[in-house]
Amino acid sequence: MRRAMIQEAKVVRSETEMSVGERVRHKVFGEGTITGIDDKAQSYLVRFDSLTTDRRIRFDGKLERVV
């Protein structure tokens, strides 16, 4: 059962996949840049313009691309 949930999460990432260096916006943290992707933790590492440290945002988190 757990394996099926992990595979499902990977499918979600595939549909909305973002890349290192891509600019994103988060409802709370504002705009930032993806600095890393951690498939094991199912998260993006994002350096937000308004913060001094990178934050982990889960793949199912609300990130939108900045165009």
Protein backbone atom coordinates (compact mmCIF):
# COMPACT_ATOMS: atom_id res chain seq x y z
CA MET A 1 0.00 0.00 0.00
CA ARG A 2 2.76 2.48 0.95
CA ARG A 3 4.61 1.79 -2.30
CA ALA A 4 1.48 2.68 -4.28
CA MET A 5 1.24 6.01 -2.44
CA ILE A 6 4.86 6.86 -3.22
CA GLN A 7 4.43 5.98 -6.88
CA GLU A 8 1.30 8.15 -7.01
CA ALA A 9 3.25 11.10 -5.58
CA LYS A 10 5.90 10.68 -8.28
CA VAL A 11 3.20 10.78 -10.94
CA VAL A 12 1.95 14.07 -9.51
CA ARG A 13 5.47 15.50 -9.77
CA SER A 14 5.79 14.31 -13.36
CA GLU A 15 2.67 16.21 -14.36
CA THR A 16 3.84 19.46 -12.76
CA GLU A 17 7.59 18.92 -12.83
CA MET A 18 9.75 21.95 -12.19
CA SER A 19 13.50 22.28 -12.67
CA VAL A 20 16.44 23.66 -10.72
CA GLY A 21 16.82 27.35 -11.51
CA GLU A 22 13.13 27.86 -12.24
CA ARG A 23 11.41 30.86 -10.64
CA VAL A 24 8.33 30.05 -8.55
CA ARG A 25 5.77 31.76 -6.31
CA HIS A 26 4.38 30.47 -3.00
CA LYS A 27 1.27 31.86 -1.31
CA VAL A 28 3.08 32.55 2.00
CA PHE A 29 6.78 32.87 1.14
CA GLY A 30 6.46 34.83 -2.14
CA GLU A 31 8.82 34.43 -5.09
CA GLY A 32 11.93 32.31 -5.14
CA THR A 33 14.20 30.03 -7.14
CA ILE A 34 14.34 26.23 -7.04
CA THR A 35 17.85 25.31 -5.90
CA GLY A 36 17.40 21.55 -5.59
CA ILE A 37 15.06 18.60 -5.97
CA ASP A 38 14.90 15.80 -3.40
CA ASP A 39 12.99 12.85 -4.87
CA LYS A 40 13.42 10.81 -1.68
CA ALA A 41 11.80 13.53 0.46
CA GLN A 42 9.34 14.35 -2.35
CA SER A 43 10.22 18.04 -2.16
CA TYR A 44 11.80 21.02 -3.88
CA LEU A 45 14.45 23.10 -2.16
CA VAL A 46 13.57 26.75 -2.77
CA ARG A 47 15.48 29.93 -1.95
CA PHE A 48 12.79 32.55 -1.45
CA ASP A 49 13.71 36.19 -2.06
CA SER A 50 12.25 37.22 1.32
CA LEU A 51 14.13 34.60 3.41
CA THR A 52 17.78 33.99 4.25
CA THR A 53 17.62 30.17 4.18
CA ASP A 54 16.27 27.67 1.66
CA ARG A 55 12.93 25.97 2.41
CA ARG A 56 11.69 22.50 1.51
CA ILE A 57 8.37 22.58 -0.30
CA ARG A 58 6.68 19.24 -0.93
CA PHE A 59 5.84 18.32 -4.52
CA ASP A 60 2.16 18.59 -3.63
CA GLY A 61 2.74 22.08 -2.17
CA LYS A 62 1.24 25.12 -3.85
CA LEU A 63 4.03 26.41 -6.07
CA GLU A 64 3.28 28.23 -9.30
CA ARG A 65 5.70 29.13 -12.05
CA VAL A 66 6.67 32.77 -12.44
CA VAL A 67 6.55 33.71 -16.10
